[in-house]
């Protein structure tokens, strides 16, 4: 499997894993209702979720992650 496909799958999986609990948290602890709950969760995760990216280097293609909760950019093994 190529690193680009892995990056896409990691982005998708991390988004889904964080999106579902965030919807329940927003429903429980805010006064948002209806359409605004998933829209708010989407915007929050778009800004705060981890970002995976495949980069071609001189050593070959590598997978990196950037997240506000991690300092700097980290290589994914």
N, C-alpha and C. Protein backbone atom coordinates (compact mmCIF):
# COMPACT_ATOMS: atom_id res chain seq x y z
N UNK A 1 0.86 -1.17 0.00
CA UNK A 1 0.00 0.00 0.00
C UNK A 1 0.91 1.24 0.00
N UNK A 2 0.60 2.21 -0.84
CA UNK A 2 1.44 3.39 -0.93
C UNK A 2 1.22 4.30 0.29
N UNK A 3 2.18 5.15 0.52
CA UNK A 3 2.12 6.07 1.67
C UNK A 3 1.00 7.09 1.50
N UNK A 4 0.69 7.46 0.26
CA UNK A 4 -0.41 8.40 0.03
C UNK A 4 -1.75 7.81 0.42
N UNK A 5 -1.93 6.54 0.12
CA UNK A 5 -3.18 5.87 0.51
C UNK A 5 -3.24 5.72 2.02
N UNK A 6 -2.10 5.38 2.65
CA UNK A 6 -2.07 5.28 4.10
C UNK A 6 -2.39 6.63 4.74
N UNK A 7 -1.85 7.70 4.20
CA UNK A 7 -2.13 9.04 4.74
C UNK A 7 -3.62 9.35 4.63
N UNK A 8 -4.22 9.04 3.50
CA UNK A 8 -5.65 9.27 3.33
C UNK A 8 -6.47 8.45 4.33
N UNK A 9 -6.13 7.17 4.48
CA UNK A 9 -6.86 6.31 5.41
C UNK A 9 -6.67 6.75 6.85
N UNK A 10 -5.46 7.16 7.22
CA UNK A 10 -5.22 7.66 8.58
C UNK A 10 -6.01 8.94 8.83
N UNK A 11 -6.05 9.84 7.84
CA UNK A 11 -6.85 11.06 7.98
C UNK A 11 -8.32 10.73 8.17
N UNK A 12 -8.82 9.82 7.36
CA UNK A 12 -10.23 9.43 7.43
C UNK A 12 -10.54 8.76 8.77
N UNK A 13 -9.71 7.82 9.17
CA UNK A 13 -9.94 7.09 10.42
C UNK A 13 -9.86 8.02 11.63
N UNK A 14 -8.86 8.89 11.67
CA UNK A 14 -8.74 9.79 12.82
C UNK A 14 -9.92 10.77 12.86
N UNK A 15 -10.39 11.21 11.69
CA UNK A 15 -11.53 12.11 11.66
C UNK A 15 -12.78 11.42 12.21
N UNK A 16 -13.03 10.20 11.76
CA UNK A 16 -14.23 9.48 12.21
C UNK A 16 -14.16 9.17 13.71
N UNK A 17 -13.00 8.75 14.17
CA UNK A 17 -12.83 8.40 15.59
C UNK A 17 -13.05 9.62 16.48
N UNK A 18 -12.67 10.79 16.03
CA UNK A 18 -12.86 12.00 16.83
C UNK A 18 -14.21 12.67 16.58
N UNK A 19 -14.78 12.49 15.40
CA UNK A 19 -16.03 13.15 15.02
C UNK A 19 -17.23 12.63 15.83
N UNK A 20 -17.35 11.34 15.94
CA UNK A 20 -18.51 10.75 16.62
C UNK A 20 -18.58 11.16 18.10
N UNK A 21 -17.49 11.03 18.87
CA UNK A 21 -17.59 11.48 20.26
C UNK A 21 -17.82 12.99 20.39
N UNK A 22 -17.24 13.76 19.47
CA UNK A 22 -17.43 15.21 19.53
C UNK A 22 -18.89 15.59 19.29
N UNK A 23 -19.57 14.87 18.43
CA UNK A 23 -21.00 15.14 18.22
C UNK A 23 -21.78 14.92 19.52
N UNK A 24 -21.50 13.82 20.22
CA UNK A 24 -22.19 13.56 21.47
C UNK A 24 -21.85 14.60 22.53
N UNK A 25 -20.61 15.04 22.58
CA UNK A 25 -20.21 16.07 23.54
C UNK A 25 -20.91 17.39 23.23
N UNK A 26 -20.97 17.76 21.96
CA UNK A 26 -21.65 19.00 21.60
C UNK A 26 -23.14 18.95 21.89
N UNK A 27 -23.77 17.81 21.66
CA UNK A 27 -25.20 17.68 21.95
C UNK A 27 -25.46 17.79 23.45
N UNK A 28 -24.59 17.21 24.23
CA UNK A 28 -24.79 17.16 25.68
C UNK A 28 -24.49 18.48 26.37
N UNK A 29 -23.42 19.15 25.98
CA UNK A 29 -22.92 20.29 26.74
C UNK A 29 -23.10 21.65 26.07
N UNK A 30 -23.75 21.70 24.92
CA UNK A 30 -24.05 22.99 24.29
C UNK A 30 -25.54 23.05 23.98
N UNK A 31 -25.97 24.23 23.61
CA UNK A 31 -27.39 24.38 23.24
C UNK A 31 -27.60 24.25 21.74
N UNK A 32 -26.60 23.75 21.02
CA UNK A 32 -26.73 23.54 19.58
C UNK A 32 -27.71 22.40 19.30
N UNK A 33 -28.48 22.56 18.25
CA UNK A 33 -29.43 21.51 17.87
C UNK A 33 -29.42 21.34 16.36
N UNK A 34 -29.95 20.21 15.93
CA UNK A 34 -30.15 19.95 14.51
C UNK A 34 -28.88 19.94 13.68
N UNK A 35 -28.93 20.66 12.59
CA UNK A 35 -27.86 20.71 11.61
C UNK A 35 -26.55 21.29 12.16
N UNK A 36 -26.63 22.14 13.18
CA UNK A 36 -25.46 22.85 13.68
C UNK A 36 -24.50 21.97 14.47
N UNK A 37 -24.98 20.88 15.03
CA UNK A 37 -24.10 19.98 15.79
C UNK A 37 -23.04 19.35 14.89
N UNK A 38 -23.40 18.65 13.81
CA UNK A 38 -22.35 18.07 12.96
C UNK A 38 -21.52 19.11 12.21
N UNK A 39 -22.12 20.26 11.87
CA UNK A 39 -21.36 21.31 11.19
C UNK A 39 -20.27 21.84 12.12
N UNK A 40 -20.62 22.09 13.38
CA UNK A 40 -19.64 22.57 14.36
C UNK A 40 -18.56 21.53 14.60
N UNK A 41 -18.94 20.27 14.73
CA UNK A 41 -17.96 19.20 14.93
C UNK A 41 -17.01 19.11 13.74
N UNK A 42 -17.54 19.26 12.53
CA UNK A 42 -16.72 19.21 11.32
C UNK A 42 -15.70 20.35 11.31
N UNK A 43 -16.14 21.56 11.61
CA UNK A 43 -15.25 22.72 11.60
C UNK A 43 -14.17 22.58 12.67
N UNK A 44 -14.56 22.17 13.86
CA UNK A 44 -13.59 22.00 14.96
C UNK A 44 -12.54 20.96 14.58
N UNK A 45 -12.97 19.83 14.04
CA UNK A 45 -12.01 18.78 13.69
C UNK A 45 -11.18 19.13 12.46
N UNK A 46 -11.71 19.91 11.56
CA UNK A 46 -10.92 20.35 10.43
C UNK A 46 -9.76 21.22 10.90
N UNK A 47 -10.00 22.04 11.91
CA UNK A 47 -8.96 22.92 12.43
C UNK A 47 -8.05 22.23 13.44
N UNK A 48 -8.61 21.34 14.28
CA UNK A 48 -7.85 20.78 15.40
C UNK A 48 -7.44 19.32 15.22
N UNK A 49 -7.93 18.65 14.20
CA UNK A 49 -7.63 17.22 14.02
C UNK A 49 -6.23 17.01 13.48
N UNK A 50 -5.71 15.80 13.64
CA UNK A 50 -4.37 15.50 13.11
C UNK A 50 -4.38 15.46 11.58
N UNK A 51 -3.28 15.88 11.01
CA UNK A 51 -3.13 15.88 9.55
C UNK A 51 -1.98 14.95 9.17
N UNK A 52 -2.26 13.96 8.36
CA UNK A 52 -1.24 13.03 7.87
C UNK A 52 -0.91 13.38 6.43
N UNK A 53 0.38 13.28 6.08
CA UNK A 53 0.79 13.61 4.72
C UNK A 53 1.97 12.75 4.31
N UNK A 54 1.92 12.26 3.08
CA UNK A 54 3.03 11.51 2.50
C UNK A 54 3.93 12.49 1.75
N UNK A 55 5.23 12.39 2.01
CA UNK A 55 6.20 13.30 1.40
C UNK A 55 7.31 12.49 0.77
N UNK A 56 7.66 12.85 -0.44
CA UNK A 56 8.79 12.19 -1.11
C UNK A 56 10.08 12.86 -0.67
N UNK A 57 10.99 12.08 -0.09
CA UNK A 57 12.28 12.59 0.35
C UNK A 57 13.37 11.88 -0.42
N UNK A 58 14.61 12.24 -0.16
CA UNK A 58 15.72 11.57 -0.83
C UNK A 58 15.85 10.11 -0.40
N UNK A 59 15.30 9.78 0.78
CA UNK A 59 15.32 8.41 1.29
C UNK A 59 14.09 7.61 0.89
N UNK A 60 13.23 8.18 0.08
CA UNK A 60 11.99 7.52 -0.33
C UNK A 60 10.80 8.26 0.24
N UNK A 61 9.64 7.68 0.04
CA UNK A 61 8.40 8.30 0.51
C UNK A 61 8.22 8.04 2.00
N UNK A 62 7.90 9.09 2.75
CA UNK A 62 7.70 8.97 4.20
C UNK A 62 6.36 9.57 4.58
N UNK A 63 5.84 9.11 5.72
CA UNK A 63 4.55 9.54 6.22
C UNK A 63 4.78 10.40 7.47
N UNK A 64 4.18 11.60 7.48
CA UNK A 64 4.33 12.53 8.59
C UNK A 64 2.97 12.91 9.14
N UNK A 65 2.95 13.31 10.42
CA UNK A 65 1.72 13.78 11.06
C UNK A 65 2.01 15.11 11.74
N UNK A 66 1.04 16.02 11.63
CA UNK A 66 1.10 17.29 12.32
C UNK A 66 -0.20 17.45 13.09
N UNK A 67 -0.08 17.84 14.36
CA UNK A 67 -1.26 17.97 15.20
C UNK A 67 -0.98 19.04 16.24
N UNK A 68 -1.99 19.77 16.64
CA UNK A 68 -1.77 20.85 17.60
C UNK A 68 -1.35 20.31 18.96
N UNK A 69 -1.64 19.05 19.24
CA UNK A 69 -1.27 18.45 20.52
C UNK A 69 0.11 17.79 20.50
N UNK A 70 0.76 17.79 19.34
CA UNK A 70 2.14 17.30 19.20
C UNK A 70 3.02 18.48 18.85
N UNK A 71 4.22 18.47 19.40
CA UNK A 71 5.14 19.56 19.10
C UNK A 71 5.86 19.25 17.80
N UNK A 72 5.68 20.10 16.80
CA UNK A 72 6.34 19.93 15.52
C UNK A 72 5.68 18.86 14.66
N UNK A 73 6.44 18.43 13.67
CA UNK A 73 5.98 17.39 12.73
C UNK A 73 6.69 16.10 13.08
N UNK A 74 5.93 15.02 13.19
CA UNK A 74 6.49 13.72 13.57
C UNK A 74 6.37 12.74 12.40
N UNK A 75 7.37 11.89 12.27
CA UNK A 75 7.34 10.86 11.25
C UNK A 75 6.58 9.65 11.79
N UNK A 76 5.70 9.10 10.98
CA UNK A 76 4.95 7.90 11.34
C UNK A 76 5.69 6.71 10.75
N UNK A 77 5.97 5.72 11.55
CA UNK A 77 6.74 4.56 11.07
C UNK A 77 5.86 3.62 10.30
